[in-house]
Amino acid sequence: MSIDRRLPAGSVTRFEPPRPLRYTMPDLERESGIPARTIRYYIAEGLLQPAYGRGPTATYDSDHLLRLRFIQYLKDERLSLSDIQERLSTLTPDDIATALKVELEPSAEPWRHYALHADFQIMVRDHSVSRRDPAREQAFDLIVEYARSVLDDLERRTHG
């Protein structure tokens, strides 16, 4: 059965956001590195909300995973579970995600952007001066030169 993807003029397409990702207990163990027994203990102690459902079909969401990672981070900082629980009680999932991003993600690498045409741009990772490679720089110069000549020809044919 084929689906006609064309829409009548003036129609509105409704966007359905994706449902939140759900984890099983084995998924949560694998992603967090924390054993199921410890996860269940954290739930019993109120550090995590209970699972959705019960038994082997129970699922967990990204908030469970974020909180587990944050709990581990705070444990590594030598905080007691009562201190961790107090801290977690005031944080939203966005707060935790922000805290983990600040603590765990490396800083972004800078990129140079070269606009060769209104519709054509090249991005190149900007290595520090000590890591500049003359062969890479020469390759980039050749690419830019060739791209500009092709874009100029296209522009002449289109507007000339």
C-alpha atoms as a PDB file:
ATOM      1  CA  MET A   1       0.000   0.000   0.000  1.00  0.00           C
ATOM      2  CA  SER A   2       1.499   3.343  -1.001  1.00  0.00           C
ATOM      3  CA  ILE A   3       0.941   6.520   0.957  1.00  0.00           C
ATOM      4  CA  ASP A   4       0.455   9.777  -0.902  1.00  0.00           C
ATOM      5  CA  ARG A   5       2.742  12.227   0.886  1.00  0.00           C
ATOM      6  CA  ARG A   6       1.445  15.257  -1.024  1.00  0.00           C
ATOM      7  CA  LEU A   7      -0.767  17.592   0.978  1.00  0.00           C
ATOM      8  CA  PRO A   8      -3.606  19.706  -0.416  1.00  0.00           C
ATOM      9  CA  ALA A   9      -2.801  23.405  -0.749  1.00  0.00           C
ATOM     10  CA  GLY A  10      -3.342  25.251   2.526  1.00  0.00           C
ATOM     11  CA  SER A  11      -3.405  22.100   4.645  1.00  0.00           C
ATOM     12  CA  VAL A  12      -1.710  21.961   8.020  1.00  0.00           C
ATOM     13  CA  THR A  13       0.487  19.063   9.054  1.00  0.00           C
ATOM     14  CA  ARG A  14       0.203  18.089  12.699  1.00  0.00           C
ATOM     15  CA  PHE A  15       3.524  17.280  14.342  1.00  0.00           C
ATOM     16  CA  GLU A  16       3.509  14.568  16.978  1.00  0.00           C
ATOM     17  CA  PRO A  17       6.609  14.765  19.188  1.00  0.00           C
ATOM     18  CA  PRO A  18       8.311  11.434  19.824  1.00  0.00           C
ATOM     19  CA  ARG A  19       7.286   9.607  22.966  1.00  0.00           C
ATOM     20  CA  PRO A  20       9.862   9.612  25.737  1.00  0.00           C
ATOM     21  CA  LEU A  21      12.392   6.831  25.573  1.00  0.00           C
ATOM     22  CA  ARG A  22      11.660   4.014  28.026  1.00  0.00           C
ATOM     23  CA  TYR A  23      14.209   1.706  29.607  1.00  0.00           C
ATOM     24  CA  THR A  24      13.864  -1.756  31.090  1.00  0.00           C
ATOM     25  CA  MET A  25      15.832  -2.551  34.251  1.00  0.00           C
ATOM     26  CA  PRO A  26      18.617  -4.265  32.227  1.00  0.00           C
ATOM     27  CA  ASP A  27      18.770  -1.170  29.968  1.00  0.00           C
ATOM     28  CA  LEU A  28      19.015   1.090  33.009  1.00  0.00           C
ATOM     29  CA  GLU A  29      21.761  -1.068  34.525  1.00  0.00           C
ATOM     30  CA  ARG A  30      23.740  -1.016  31.281  1.00  0.00           C
ATOM     31  CA  GLU A  31      23.327   2.722  30.682  1.00  0.00           C
ATOM     32  CA  SER A  32      24.031   3.796  34.269  1.00  0.00           C
ATOM     33  CA  GLY A  33      26.527   1.133  35.343  1.00  0.00           C
ATOM     34  CA  ILE A  34      24.527   0.710  38.561  1.00  0.00           C
ATOM     35  CA  PRO A  35      23.240  -2.747  39.557  1.00  0.00           C
ATOM     36  CA  ALA A  36      19.478  -3.408  39.663  1.00  0.00           C
ATOM     37  CA  ARG A  37      19.624  -4.095  43.392  1.00  0.00           C
ATOM     38  CA  THR A  38      21.073  -0.624  44.034  1.00  0.00           C
ATOM     39  CA  ILE A  39      18.530   1.009  41.718  1.00  0.00           C
ATOM     40  CA  ARG A  40      15.702  -0.687  43.628  1.00  0.00           C
ATOM     41  CA  TYR A  41      17.284   0.503  46.893  1.00  0.00           C
ATOM     42  CA  TYR A  42      17.365   4.095  45.613  1.00  0.00           C
ATOM     43  CA  ILE A  43      13.671   3.820  44.708  1.00  0.00           C
ATOM     44  CA  ALA A  44      12.845   2.434  48.164  1.00  0.00           C
ATOM     45  CA  GLU A  45      14.810   5.281  49.793  1.00  0.00           C
ATOM     46  CA  GLY A  46      13.048   7.933  47.698  1.00  0.00           C
ATOM     47  CA  LEU A  47      16.047   9.016  45.615  1.00  0.00           C
ATOM     48  CA  LEU A  48      14.256   7.851  42.444  1.00  0.00           C
ATOM     49  CA  GLN A  49      10.601   7.732  41.514  1.00  0.00           C
ATOM     50  CA  PRO A  50       9.070   4.256  41.137  1.00  0.00           C
ATOM     51  CA  ALA A  51       9.037   2.520  37.771  1.00  0.00           C
ATOM     52  CA  TYR A  52       6.145   2.746  35.349  1.00  0.00           C
ATOM     53  CA  GLY A  53       4.380  -0.572  35.819  1.00  0.00           C
ATOM     54  CA  ARG A  54       5.468  -3.560  37.855  1.00  0.00           C
ATOM     55  CA  GLY A  55       7.509  -6.701  37.463  1.00  0.00           C
ATOM     56  CA  PRO A  56       9.434  -7.585  34.308  1.00  0.00           C
ATOM     57  CA  THR A  57       7.380  -5.160  32.195  1.00  0.00           C
ATOM     58  CA  ALA A  58       8.260  -2.160  34.385  1.00  0.00           C
ATOM     59  CA  THR A  59       9.898   0.697  32.512  1.00  0.00           C
ATOM     60  CA  TYR A  60      11.952   3.747  33.412  1.00  0.00           C
ATOM     61  CA  ASP A  61      12.470   7.043  31.613  1.00  0.00           C
ATOM     62  CA  SER A  62      15.315   9.459  30.948  1.00  0.00           C
ATOM     63  CA  ASP A  63      14.734  11.171  34.310  1.00  0.00           C
ATOM     64  CA  HIS A  64      15.590   7.895  36.065  1.00  0.00           C
ATOM     65  CA  LEU A  65      18.807   7.626  34.076  1.00  0.00           C
ATOM     66  CA  LEU A  66      19.776  11.267  34.660  1.00  0.00           C
ATOM     67  CA  ARG A  67      19.152  10.963  38.380  1.00  0.00           C
ATOM     68  CA  LEU A  68      21.178   7.752  38.569  1.00  0.00           C
ATOM     69  CA  ARG A  69      24.103   9.432  36.855  1.00  0.00           C
ATOM     70  CA  PHE A  70      23.782  12.468  39.125  1.00  0.00           C
ATOM     71  CA  ILE A  71      23.583  10.251  42.223  1.00  0.00           C
ATOM     72  CA  GLN A  72      26.788   8.532  41.114  1.00  0.00           C
ATOM     73  CA  TYR A  73      28.460  11.885  40.507  1.00  0.00           C
ATOM     74  CA  LEU A  74      27.475  13.111  43.984  1.00  0.00           C
ATOM     75  CA  LYS A  75      28.606   9.835  45.572  1.00  0.00           C
ATOM     76  CA  ASP A  76      31.965  10.281  43.842  1.00  0.00           C
ATOM     77  CA  GLU A  77      32.075  13.703  45.524  1.00  0.00           C
ATOM     78  CA  ARG A  78      31.651  11.881  48.857  1.00  0.00           C
ATOM     79  CA  LEU A  79      28.132  13.139  49.674  1.00  0.00           C
ATOM     80  CA  SER A  80      25.978  10.963  51.904  1.00  0.00           C
ATOM     81  CA  LEU A  81      22.745   9.489  50.554  1.00  0.00           C
ATOM     82  CA  SER A  82      20.711  11.804  52.798  1.00  0.00           C
ATOM     83  CA  ASP A  83      22.558  14.831  51.380  1.00  0.00           C
ATOM     84  CA  ILE A  84      22.035  13.486  47.864  1.00  0.00           C
ATOM     85  CA  GLN A  85      18.326  12.970  48.520  1.00  0.00           C
ATOM     86  CA  GLU A  86      18.018  16.529  49.851  1.00  0.00           C
ATOM     87  CA  ARG A  87      19.766  17.915  46.798  1.00  0.00           C
ATOM     88  CA  LEU A  88      17.719  15.823  44.364  1.00  0.00           C
ATOM     89  CA  SER A  89      14.437  16.912  45.958  1.00  0.00           C
ATOM     90  CA  THR A  90      14.898  20.477  44.720  1.00  0.00           C
ATOM     91  CA  LEU A  91      16.118  19.711  41.191  1.00  0.00           C
ATOM     92  CA  THR A  92      14.074  19.339  38.021  1.00  0.00           C
ATOM     93  CA  PRO A  93      15.170  16.998  35.227  1.00  0.00           C
ATOM     94  CA  ASP A  94      16.407  20.076  33.315  1.00  0.00           C
ATOM     95  CA  ASP A  95      18.483  21.161  36.329  1.00  0.00           C
ATOM     96  CA  ILE A  96      20.090  17.732  36.517  1.00  0.00           C
ATOM     97  CA  ALA A  97      20.726  17.598  32.777  1.00  0.00           C
ATOM     98  CA  THR A  98      22.374  21.020  32.942  1.00  0.00           C
ATOM     99  CA  ALA A  99      24.514  20.020  35.925  1.00  0.00           C
ATOM    100  CA  LEU A 100      25.660  16.833  34.236  1.00  0.00           C
ATOM    101  CA  LYS A 101      26.405  18.584  30.967  1.00  0.00           C
ATOM    102  CA  VAL A 102      28.528  21.168  32.724  1.00  0.00           C
ATOM    103  CA  GLU A 103      30.408  18.505  34.631  1.00  0.00           C
ATOM    104  CA  LEU A 104      30.712  15.737  32.088  1.00  0.00           C
ATOM    105  CA  GLU A 105      30.747  17.036  28.508  1.00  0.00           C
ATOM    106  CA  PRO A 106      33.991  18.235  26.982  1.00  0.00           C
ATOM    107  CA  SER A 107      34.111  21.728  25.603  1.00  0.00           C
ATOM    108  CA  ALA A 108      33.114  22.080  21.974  1.00  0.00           C
ATOM    109  CA  GLU A 109      35.780  22.305  19.327  1.00  0.00           C
ATOM    110  CA  PRO A 110      35.801  25.545  17.358  1.00  0.00           C
ATOM    111  CA  TRP A 111      34.910  25.459  13.663  1.00  0.00           C
ATOM    112  CA  ARG A 112      35.705  27.976  10.951  1.00  0.00           C
ATOM    113  CA  HIS A 113      32.884  28.762   8.530  1.00  0.00           C
ATOM    114  CA  TYR A 114      33.650  29.835   4.973  1.00  0.00           C
ATOM    115  CA  ALA A 115      30.749  31.172   2.933  1.00  0.00           C
ATOM    116  CA  LEU A 116      31.550  30.544  -0.715  1.00  0.00           C
ATOM    117  CA  HIS A 117      28.092  31.393  -1.964  1.00  0.00           C
ATOM    118  CA  ALA A 118      24.750  32.375  -0.458  1.00  0.00           C
ATOM    119  CA  ASP A 119      23.746  28.687  -0.538  1.00  0.00           C
ATOM    120  CA  PHE A 120      27.126  27.045  -0.004  1.00  0.00           C
ATOM    121  CA  GLN A 121      29.274  27.051   3.119  1.00  0.00           C
ATOM    122  CA  ILE A 122      32.280  24.979   4.195  1.00  0.00           C
ATOM    123  CA  MET A 123      33.054  24.209   7.815  1.00  0.00           C
ATOM    124  CA  VAL A 124      36.541  23.251   8.935  1.00  0.00           C
ATOM    125  CA  ARG A 125      37.645  22.238  12.424  1.00  0.00           C
ATOM    126  CA  ASP A 126      39.884  25.003  13.711  1.00  0.00           C
ATOM    127  CA  HIS A 127      42.988  23.286  15.072  1.00  0.00           C
ATOM    128  CA  SER A 128      45.354  25.228  17.254  1.00  0.00           C
ATOM    129  CA  VAL A 129      48.398  26.701  15.529  1.00  0.00           C
ATOM    130  CA  SER A 130      50.578  23.902  16.889  1.00  0.00           C
ATOM    131  CA  ARG A 131      48.378  21.283  15.188  1.00  0.00           C
ATOM    132  CA  ARG A 132      48.004  22.948  11.801  1.00  0.00           C
ATOM    133  CA  ASP A 133      48.864  20.611   8.987  1.00  0.00           C
ATOM    134  CA  PRO A 134      50.166  22.254   5.799  1.00  0.00           C
ATOM    135  CA  ALA A 135      48.819  19.384   3.664  1.00  0.00           C
ATOM    136  CA  ARG A 136      45.338  19.854   5.173  1.00  0.00           C
ATOM    137  CA  GLU A 137      45.528  23.599   4.583  1.00  0.00           C
ATOM    138  CA  GLN A 138      46.561  23.027   0.963  1.00  0.00           C
ATOM    139  CA  ALA A 139      43.699  20.541   0.470  1.00  0.00           C
ATOM    140  CA  PHE A 140      41.263  23.086   1.874  1.00  0.00           C
ATOM    141  CA  ASP A 141      42.591  25.815  -0.427  1.00  0.00           C
ATOM    142  CA  LEU A 142      42.158  23.507  -3.456  1.00  0.00           C
ATOM    143  CA  ILE A 143      38.601  22.630  -2.436  1.00  0.00           C
ATOM    144  CA  VAL A 144      37.714  26.301  -1.991  1.00  0.00           C
ATOM    145  CA  GLU A 145      39.299  27.239  -5.319  1.00  0.00           C
ATOM    146  CA  TYR A 146      37.455  24.476  -7.182  1.00  0.00           C
ATOM    147  CA  ALA A 147      34.127  25.148  -5.430  1.00  0.00           C
ATOM    148  CA  ARG A 148      34.341  28.858  -6.179  1.00  0.00           C
ATOM    149  CA  SER A 149      35.033  28.214  -9.872  1.00  0.00           C
ATOM    150  CA  VAL A 150      32.074  25.812 -10.147  1.00  0.00           C
ATOM    151  CA  LEU A 151      29.784  28.217  -8.271  1.00  0.00           C
ATOM    152  CA  ASP A 152      30.924  31.140 -10.451  1.00  0.00           C
ATOM    153  CA  ASP A 153      30.173  29.095 -13.621  1.00  0.00           C
ATOM    154  CA  LEU A 154      26.757  28.184 -12.247  1.00  0.00           C
ATOM    155  CA  GLU A 155      26.057  31.801 -11.388  1.00  0.00           C
ATOM    156  CA  ARG A 156      27.059  32.947 -14.921  1.00  0.00           C
ATOM    157  CA  ARG A 157      24.815  30.306 -16.559  1.00  0.00           C
ATOM    158  CA  THR A 158      21.897  31.121 -14.291  1.00  0.00           C
ATOM    159  CA  HIS A 159      22.092  34.921 -14.530  1.00  0.00           C
ATOM    160  CA  GLY A 160      24.123  35.420 -17.684  1.00  0.00           C
END
